[in-house]
């Protein structure tokens, strides 16, 4: 039992050190707010420009999956192109520090829960239809 206690303490200290070493210098937090709650991200590979990527578990009755399906229906009804998926990858060769930070933000959006929504370099977990539409319209290019 004592061994488990020491293991838990060590894990807690390691987690605390990890958090402390990755925080921004001077206590300032990196900018995360973007447009209407979305943050700047690295778009997953294969996502076409001006298309909303909605990531959620496939064929799942969970509340998160149901929200994803409702969002996809709403966006399709409005005429916004949507691509549905359940995973993502990146196609980056020798990424810059900015790209690595954007990838980290992308992963964080995905970890926050479904549906994870990505559009034109912006991402958010569980946005409303109106938030997605606003970001889509403000970031859409010819």
N, C-alpha and C. Protein backbone atom coordinates (compact mmCIF):
# COMPACT_ATOMS: atom_id res chain seq x y z
N UNK A 1 0.83 -1.20 0.00
CA UNK A 1 0.00 0.00 0.00
C UNK A 1 0.87 1.26 0.00
N UNK A 2 1.96 1.22 0.77
CA UNK A 2 2.85 2.36 0.83
C UNK A 2 3.49 2.64 -0.53
N UNK A 3 3.78 1.57 -1.27
CA UNK A 3 4.37 1.71 -2.61
C UNK A 3 3.43 2.49 -3.52
N UNK A 4 2.12 2.18 -3.48
CA UNK A 4 1.13 2.88 -4.31
C UNK A 4 1.05 4.36 -3.93
N UNK A 5 1.11 4.65 -2.66
CA UNK A 5 1.07 6.04 -2.21
C UNK A 5 2.26 6.81 -2.77
N UNK A 6 3.44 6.22 -2.69
CA UNK A 6 4.63 6.88 -3.24
C UNK A 6 4.53 7.05 -4.75
N UNK A 7 3.96 6.07 -5.42
CA UNK A 7 3.79 6.16 -6.86
C UNK A 7 2.83 7.30 -7.22
N UNK A 8 1.73 7.43 -6.50
CA UNK A 8 0.77 8.52 -6.74
C UNK A 8 1.39 9.89 -6.48
N UNK A 9 2.18 9.99 -5.43
CA UNK A 9 2.86 11.26 -5.12
C UNK A 9 3.84 11.61 -6.24
N UNK A 10 4.59 10.62 -6.70
CA UNK A 10 5.56 10.85 -7.78
C UNK A 10 4.84 11.28 -9.05
N UNK A 11 3.73 10.63 -9.36
CA UNK A 11 2.98 11.00 -10.55
C UNK A 11 2.43 12.42 -10.43
N UNK A 12 1.96 12.79 -9.27
CA UNK A 12 1.47 14.15 -9.04
C UNK A 12 2.57 15.18 -9.19
N UNK A 13 3.73 14.89 -8.65
CA UNK A 13 4.86 15.82 -8.78
C UNK A 13 5.29 15.94 -10.24
N UNK A 14 5.32 14.83 -10.96
CA UNK A 14 5.69 14.87 -12.38
C UNK A 14 4.69 15.69 -13.17
N UNK A 15 3.40 15.52 -12.89
CA UNK A 15 2.38 16.30 -13.57
C UNK A 15 2.50 17.78 -13.26
N UNK A 16 2.77 18.11 -12.01
CA UNK A 16 2.95 19.50 -11.62
C UNK A 16 4.16 20.12 -12.30
N UNK A 17 5.24 19.36 -12.35
CA UNK A 17 6.44 19.86 -13.04
C UNK A 17 6.16 20.07 -14.52
N UNK A 18 5.46 19.13 -15.14
CA UNK A 18 5.12 19.24 -16.55
C UNK A 18 4.29 20.50 -16.81
N UNK A 19 3.29 20.75 -15.98
CA UNK A 19 2.48 21.95 -16.14
C UNK A 19 3.34 23.19 -15.98
N UNK A 20 4.17 23.23 -14.92
CA UNK A 20 4.98 24.40 -14.62
C UNK A 20 5.96 24.70 -15.75
N UNK A 21 6.57 23.66 -16.31
CA UNK A 21 7.59 23.88 -17.33
C UNK A 21 6.99 24.29 -18.68
N UNK A 22 5.70 24.04 -18.90
CA UNK A 22 5.08 24.39 -20.17
C UNK A 22 4.26 25.67 -20.13
N UNK A 23 4.18 26.30 -18.99
CA UNK A 23 3.42 27.54 -18.93
C UNK A 23 4.22 28.66 -19.59
N UNK A 24 3.53 29.71 -20.00
CA UNK A 24 4.18 30.82 -20.70
C UNK A 24 5.07 31.60 -19.74
N UNK A 25 6.18 32.18 -20.22
CA UNK A 25 7.06 32.96 -19.36
C UNK A 25 6.34 34.14 -18.73
N UNK A 26 6.66 34.43 -17.50
CA UNK A 26 6.07 35.57 -16.82
C UNK A 26 4.62 35.37 -16.41
N UNK A 27 4.13 34.15 -16.52
CA UNK A 27 2.77 33.87 -16.11
C UNK A 27 1.73 34.24 -17.15
N UNK A 28 2.15 34.84 -18.26
CA UNK A 28 1.20 35.21 -19.30
C UNK A 28 0.73 33.96 -20.03
N UNK A 29 -0.50 33.93 -20.36
CA UNK A 29 -1.05 32.81 -21.10
C UNK A 29 -1.02 33.11 -22.59
N UNK A 30 -0.73 32.10 -23.41
CA UNK A 30 -0.72 32.36 -24.85
C UNK A 30 -2.12 32.69 -25.33
N UNK A 31 -2.24 33.47 -26.38
CA UNK A 31 -3.58 33.83 -26.87
C UNK A 31 -4.30 32.58 -27.37
N UNK A 32 -5.51 32.38 -26.90
CA UNK A 32 -6.27 31.22 -27.33
C UNK A 32 -7.60 31.65 -27.94
N UNK A 33 -8.08 32.81 -27.56
CA UNK A 33 -9.38 33.24 -28.09
C UNK A 33 -9.22 33.69 -29.52
N UNK A 34 -10.07 33.22 -30.35
CA UNK A 34 -10.05 33.61 -31.75
C UNK A 34 -11.36 34.26 -32.09
N UNK A 35 -12.05 33.69 -33.05
CA UNK A 35 -13.32 34.22 -33.51
C UNK A 35 -14.45 33.47 -32.83
N UNK A 36 -15.28 34.16 -32.10
CA UNK A 36 -16.50 33.58 -31.51
C UNK A 36 -16.22 32.30 -30.72
N UNK A 37 -15.13 32.29 -29.94
CA UNK A 37 -14.81 31.12 -29.11
C UNK A 37 -13.90 30.11 -29.79
N UNK A 38 -13.68 30.23 -31.08
CA UNK A 38 -12.77 29.34 -31.79
C UNK A 38 -11.34 29.78 -31.57
N UNK A 39 -10.39 28.85 -31.68
CA UNK A 39 -8.97 29.15 -31.55
C UNK A 39 -8.26 28.78 -32.84
N UNK A 40 -7.14 29.43 -33.09
CA UNK A 40 -6.34 29.12 -34.27
C UNK A 40 -5.70 27.75 -34.10
N UNK A 41 -5.84 26.90 -35.13
CA UNK A 41 -5.33 25.54 -35.08
C UNK A 41 -4.62 25.20 -36.40
N UNK A 42 -3.95 24.07 -36.39
CA UNK A 42 -3.41 23.48 -37.63
C UNK A 42 -4.50 22.57 -38.16
N UNK A 43 -4.93 22.80 -39.37
CA UNK A 43 -6.02 21.99 -39.92
C UNK A 43 -5.53 20.56 -40.16
N UNK A 44 -6.36 19.59 -39.79
CA UNK A 44 -6.02 18.19 -40.07
C UNK A 44 -5.84 17.96 -41.57
N UNK A 45 -4.96 17.03 -41.91
CA UNK A 45 -4.67 16.70 -43.31
C UNK A 45 -5.94 16.27 -44.03
N UNK A 46 -6.05 16.69 -45.27
CA UNK A 46 -7.18 16.27 -46.10
C UNK A 46 -8.46 17.06 -45.92
N UNK A 47 -8.41 18.12 -45.13
CA UNK A 47 -9.61 18.94 -44.93
C UNK A 47 -9.63 20.03 -45.99
N UNK A 48 -10.62 20.01 -46.88
CA UNK A 48 -10.67 21.04 -47.92
C UNK A 48 -10.96 22.42 -47.34
N UNK A 49 -10.43 23.43 -47.99
CA UNK A 49 -10.71 24.83 -47.59
C UNK A 49 -12.21 25.08 -47.71
N UNK A 50 -12.74 25.90 -46.85
CA UNK A 50 -14.16 26.27 -46.84
C UNK A 50 -15.08 25.08 -46.62
N UNK A 51 -14.60 24.10 -45.89
CA UNK A 51 -15.40 22.94 -45.50
C UNK A 51 -15.26 22.76 -44.00
N UNK A 52 -16.36 22.54 -43.32
CA UNK A 52 -16.35 22.33 -41.88
C UNK A 52 -16.07 20.86 -41.60
N UNK A 53 -15.05 20.58 -40.80
CA UNK A 53 -14.74 19.22 -40.38
C UNK A 53 -15.32 19.00 -38.99
N UNK A 54 -16.21 18.02 -38.87
CA UNK A 54 -16.83 17.69 -37.58
C UNK A 54 -16.33 16.31 -37.18
N UNK A 55 -15.63 16.24 -36.04
CA UNK A 55 -15.11 14.97 -35.54
C UNK A 55 -15.93 14.50 -34.35
N UNK A 56 -16.41 13.27 -34.45
CA UNK A 56 -17.20 12.67 -33.37
C UNK A 56 -17.18 11.16 -33.56
N UNK A 57 -17.50 10.41 -32.51
CA UNK A 57 -17.52 8.95 -32.65
C UNK A 57 -18.56 8.50 -33.67
N UNK A 58 -18.20 7.56 -34.55
CA UNK A 58 -19.16 7.08 -35.55
C UNK A 58 -20.18 6.11 -34.95
N UNK A 59 -21.40 6.15 -35.44
CA UNK A 59 -22.45 5.20 -35.04
C UNK A 59 -22.55 5.06 -33.52
N UNK A 60 -22.61 6.17 -32.86
CA UNK A 60 -22.63 6.17 -31.39
C UNK A 60 -23.89 6.86 -30.90
N UNK A 61 -24.57 6.27 -29.91
CA UNK A 61 -25.78 6.90 -29.39
C UNK A 61 -25.51 7.96 -28.31
N UNK A 62 -24.25 8.25 -28.02
CA UNK A 62 -23.93 9.19 -26.94
C UNK A 62 -24.48 10.58 -27.23
N UNK A 63 -24.59 11.36 -26.19
CA UNK A 63 -25.07 12.74 -26.33
C UNK A 63 -24.14 13.55 -27.24
N UNK A 64 -22.83 13.33 -27.10
CA UNK A 64 -21.88 14.05 -27.93
C UNK A 64 -22.08 13.73 -29.41
N UNK A 65 -22.27 12.46 -29.73
CA UNK A 65 -22.47 12.06 -31.12
C UNK A 65 -23.79 12.62 -31.65
N UNK A 66 -24.79 12.67 -30.81
CA UNK A 66 -26.08 13.23 -31.24
C UNK A 66 -25.96 14.72 -31.52
N UNK A 67 -25.18 15.43 -30.71
CA UNK A 67 -24.95 16.86 -30.97
C UNK A 67 -24.21 17.04 -32.29
N UNK A 68 -23.26 16.16 -32.56
CA UNK A 68 -22.52 16.23 -33.81
C UNK A 68 -23.46 16.03 -35.00
N UNK A 69 -24.32 15.03 -34.91
CA UNK A 69 -25.26 14.77 -36.00
C UNK A 69 -26.21 15.95 -36.22
N UNK A 70 -26.67 16.55 -35.14
CA UNK A 70 -27.56 17.71 -35.25
C UNK A 70 -26.82 18.88 -35.90
N UNK A 71 -25.57 19.10 -35.51
CA UNK A 71 -24.78 20.17 -36.09
C UNK A 71 -24.57 19.93 -37.58
N UNK A 72 -24.24 18.71 -37.95
CA UNK A 72 -24.04 18.38 -39.36
C UNK A 72 -25.32 18.64 -40.16
N UNK A 73 -26.46 18.22 -39.62
CA UNK A 73 -27.74 18.47 -40.30
C UNK A 73 -28.00 19.95 -40.48
N UNK A 74 -27.80 20.72 -39.40
CA UNK A 74 -28.04 22.16 -39.45
C UNK A 74 -27.16 22.83 -40.50
N UNK A 75 -25.87 22.50 -40.51
CA UNK A 75 -24.95 23.12 -41.46
C UNK A 75 -25.28 22.72 -42.89
N UNK A 76 -25.63 21.46 -43.09
CA UNK A 76 -26.00 20.99 -44.43
C UNK A 76 -27.25 21.71 -44.91
N UNK A 77 -28.23 21.88 -44.02
CA UNK A 77 -29.47 22.58 -44.38
C UNK A 77 -29.20 24.04 -44.78
N UNK A 78 -28.21 24.66 -44.14
CA UNK A 78 -27.84 26.04 -44.45
C UNK A 78 -27.07 26.12 -45.76
N UNK A 79 -26.49 25.00 -46.18
CA UNK A 79 -25.71 24.98 -47.41
C UNK A 79 -24.21 25.08 -47.19
N UNK A 80 -23.76 24.85 -45.98
CA UNK A 80 -22.34 24.89 -45.67
C UNK A 80 -21.77 23.48 -45.84
N UNK A 81 -20.70 23.34 -46.63
CA UNK A 81 -20.12 22.01 -46.85
C UNK A 81 -19.54 21.44 -45.54
N UNK A 82 -19.83 20.17 -45.29
CA UNK A 82 -19.40 19.52 -44.05
C UNK A 82 -18.73 18.20 -44.39
N UNK A 83 -17.64 17.91 -43.69
CA UNK A 83 -16.97 16.62 -43.77
C UNK A 83 -16.99 16.04 -42.37
N UNK A 84 -17.45 14.79 -42.25
CA UNK A 84 -17.52 14.14 -40.93
C UNK A 84 -16.38 13.16 -40.80
N UNK A 85 -15.83 13.07 -39.60
CA UNK A 85 -14.75 12.13 -39.33
C UNK A 85 -14.72 11.75 -37.87
N UNK A 86 -13.84 10.81 -37.55
CA UNK A 86 -13.70 10.39 -36.15
C UNK A 86 -12.25 10.44 -35.69
N UNK A 87 -11.35 10.80 -36.58
CA UNK A 87 -9.94 10.92 -36.22
C UNK A 87 -9.28 11.93 -37.16
N UNK A 88 -8.03 12.24 -36.88
CA UNK A 88 -7.34 13.18 -37.75
C UNK A 88 -5.85 12.90 -37.73
N UNK A 89 -5.17 13.45 -38.71
CA UNK A 89 -3.71 13.35 -38.79
C UNK A 89 -3.19 14.64 -39.41
N UNK A 90 -1.87 14.78 -39.39
CA UNK A 90 -1.24 15.97 -39.96
C UNK A 90 -0.21 15.54 -40.97
N UNK A 91 -0.03 16.36 -41.98
CA UNK A 91 0.96 16.11 -43.01
C UNK A 91 1.96 17.25 -42.98
N UNK A 92 2.83 17.24 -41.98
CA UNK A 92 3.80 18.31 -41.81
C UNK A 92 5.21 17.74 -41.85
N UNK A 93 6.06 18.38 -42.63
CA UNK A 93 7.46 17.97 -42.69
C UNK A 93 8.29 19.10 -42.11
N UNK A 94 9.06 18.82 -41.09
CA UNK A 94 9.86 19.83 -40.40
C UNK A 94 9.00 21.02 -39.97
N UNK A 95 8.01 20.78 -39.11
CA UNK A 95 7.13 21.88 -38.70
C UNK A 95 7.87 22.95 -37.90
N UNK A 96 7.45 24.18 -38.10
CA UNK A 96 7.99 25.29 -37.33
C UNK A 96 7.42 25.23 -35.91
N UNK A 97 7.98 26.04 -35.04
CA UNK A 97 7.47 26.09 -33.67
C UNK A 97 6.02 26.57 -33.66
N UNK A 98 5.67 27.50 -34.54
CA UNK A 98 4.29 27.98 -34.63
C UNK A 98 3.35 26.86 -35.06
N UNK A 99 3.79 26.04 -36.03
CA UNK A 99 2.96 24.92 -36.47
C UNK A 99 2.80 23.88 -35.37
N UNK A 100 3.87 23.62 -34.62
CA UNK A 100 3.78 22.67 -33.50
C UNK A 100 2.80 23.17 -32.45
N UNK A 101 2.84 24.47 -32.18
CA UNK A 101 1.90 25.05 -31.21
C UNK A 101 0.47 24.94 -31.73
N UNK A 102 0.28 25.15 -33.03
CA UNK A 102 -1.07 25.03 -33.62
C UNK A 102 -1.55 23.58 -33.56
N UNK A 103 -0.64 22.63 -33.78
CA UNK A 103 -1.00 21.21 -33.66
C UNK A 103 -1.42 20.90 -32.23
N UNK A 104 -0.68 21.43 -31.27
CA UNK A 104 -1.05 21.22 -29.85
C UNK A 104 -2.44 21.77 -29.56
N UNK A 105 -2.76 22.94 -30.11
CA UNK A 105 -4.10 23.50 -29.91
C UNK A 105 -5.17 22.62 -30.57
N UNK A 106 -4.85 22.07 -31.74
CA UNK A 106 -5.78 21.19 -32.43
C UNK A 106 -6.07 19.96 -31.57
N UNK A 107 -5.03 19.37 -31.04
CA UNK A 107 -5.19 18.18 -30.19
C UNK A 107 -6.00 18.53 -28.94
N UNK A 108 -5.76 19.70 -28.38
CA UNK A 108 -6.50 20.11 -27.18
C UNK A 108 -7.98 20.29 -27.49
N UNK A 109 -8.31 20.86 -28.63
CA UNK A 109 -9.72 20.99 -29.03
C UNK A 109 -10.34 19.60 -29.11
N UNK A 110 -9.64 18.67 -29.72
CA UNK A 110 -10.14 17.30 -29.88
C UNK A 110 -10.33 16.63 -28.52
N UNK A 111 -9.42 16.85 -27.61
CA UNK A 111 -9.48 16.23 -26.27
C UNK A 111 -10.64 16.77 -25.43
N UNK A 112 -11.11 17.95 -25.73
CA UNK A 112 -12.17 18.55 -24.93
C UNK A 112 -13.51 17.87 -25.15
N UNK A 113 -13.62 17.07 -26.18
CA UNK A 113 -14.85 16.32 -26.39
C UNK A 113 -15.52 16.62 -27.71
N UNK A 114 -16.39 15.73 -28.07
CA UNK A 114 -17.09 15.82 -29.34
C UNK A 114 -18.35 16.68 -29.20
N UNK A 115 -18.75 17.28 -30.27
CA UNK A 115 -18.04 17.30 -31.53
C UNK A 115 -16.90 18.31 -31.54
N UNK A 116 -15.76 17.90 -32.08
CA UNK A 116 -14.65 18.82 -32.31
C UNK A 116 -14.83 19.34 -33.73
N UNK A 117 -14.84 20.66 -33.87
CA UNK A 117 -15.15 21.28 -35.15
C UNK A 117 -13.97 22.13 -35.60
N UNK A 118 -13.59 21.93 -36.87
CA UNK A 118 -12.47 22.67 -37.46
C UNK A 118 -12.92 23.27 -38.78
N UNK A 119 -12.58 24.56 -38.96
CA UNK A 119 -12.95 25.24 -40.20
C UNK A 119 -11.93 26.34 -40.51
N UNK A 120 -11.32 26.25 -41.65
CA UNK A 120 -10.42 27.29 -42.16
C UNK A 120 -9.40 27.78 -41.14
N UNK A 121 -8.73 26.85 -40.47
CA UNK A 121 -7.67 27.20 -39.53
C UNK A 121 -8.15 27.55 -38.14
N UNK A 122 -9.42 27.31 -37.85
CA UNK A 122 -9.98 27.59 -36.53
C UNK A 122 -10.61 26.31 -35.99
N UNK A 123 -10.62 26.15 -34.66
CA UNK A 123 -11.21 24.95 -34.08
C UNK A 123 -11.88 25.23 -32.75
N UNK A 124 -12.88 24.42 -32.42
CA UNK A 124 -13.59 24.54 -31.15
C UNK A 124 -14.28 23.23 -30.83
N UNK A 125 -14.36 22.93 -29.56
CA UNK A 125 -15.09 21.76 -29.10
C UNK A 125 -16.52 22.16 -28.76
N UNK A 126 -17.47 21.40 -29.29
CA UNK A 126 -18.89 21.55 -28.99
C UNK A 126 -19.44 22.97 -29.23
N UNK A 127 -19.19 23.54 -30.41
CA UNK A 127 -19.76 24.86 -30.68
C UNK A 127 -21.23 24.77 -31.07
N UNK A 128 -21.90 25.89 -31.00
CA UNK A 128 -23.28 25.96 -31.48
C UNK A 128 -23.24 26.14 -33.00
N UNK A 129 -24.37 25.90 -33.62
CA UNK A 129 -24.46 26.10 -35.06
C UNK A 129 -24.15 27.55 -35.42
N UNK A 130 -24.66 28.49 -34.65
CA UNK A 130 -24.43 29.91 -34.96
C UNK A 130 -22.95 30.27 -34.84
N UNK A 131 -22.23 29.67 -33.89
CA UNK A 131 -20.79 29.93 -33.77
C UNK A 131 -20.05 29.40 -35.00
N UNK A 132 -20.41 28.21 -35.45
CA UNK A 132 -19.75 27.63 -36.63
C UNK A 132 -20.04 28.48 -37.86
N UNK A 133 -21.29 28.88 -38.04
CA UNK A 133 -21.66 29.70 -39.19
C UNK A 133 -20.88 31.02 -39.18
N UNK A 134 -20.78 31.66 -38.01
CA UNK A 134 -20.06 32.93 -37.91
C UNK A 134 -18.60 32.77 -38.30
N UNK A 135 -17.96 31.72 -37.81
CA UNK A 135 -16.55 31.50 -38.13
C UNK A 135 -16.38 31.12 -39.59
N UNK A 136 -17.25 30.28 -40.09
CA UNK A 136 -17.19 29.88 -41.50
C UNK A 136 -17.28 31.12 -42.40
N UNK A 137 -18.24 31.96 -42.12
CA UNK A 137 -18.44 33.16 -42.97
C UNK A 137 -17.30 34.16 -42.84
N UNK A 138 -16.74 34.29 -41.65
CA UNK A 138 -15.68 35.27 -41.46
C UNK A 138 -14.32 34.80 -41.96
N UNK A 139 -14.14 33.47 -42.13
CA UNK A 139 -12.85 32.96 -42.59
C UNK A 139 -12.90 32.45 -44.02
N UNK A 140 -14.06 32.42 -44.63
CA UNK A 140 -14.21 31.87 -45.98
C UNK A 140 -13.53 32.80 -46.99
N UNK A 141 -12.83 32.16 -47.91
CA UNK A 141 -12.17 32.90 -49.01
C UNK A 141 -12.60 32.26 -50.32
N UNK A 142 -12.78 33.14 -51.32
CA UNK A 142 -13.14 32.80 -52.68
C UNK A 142 -13.10 31.41 -53.01
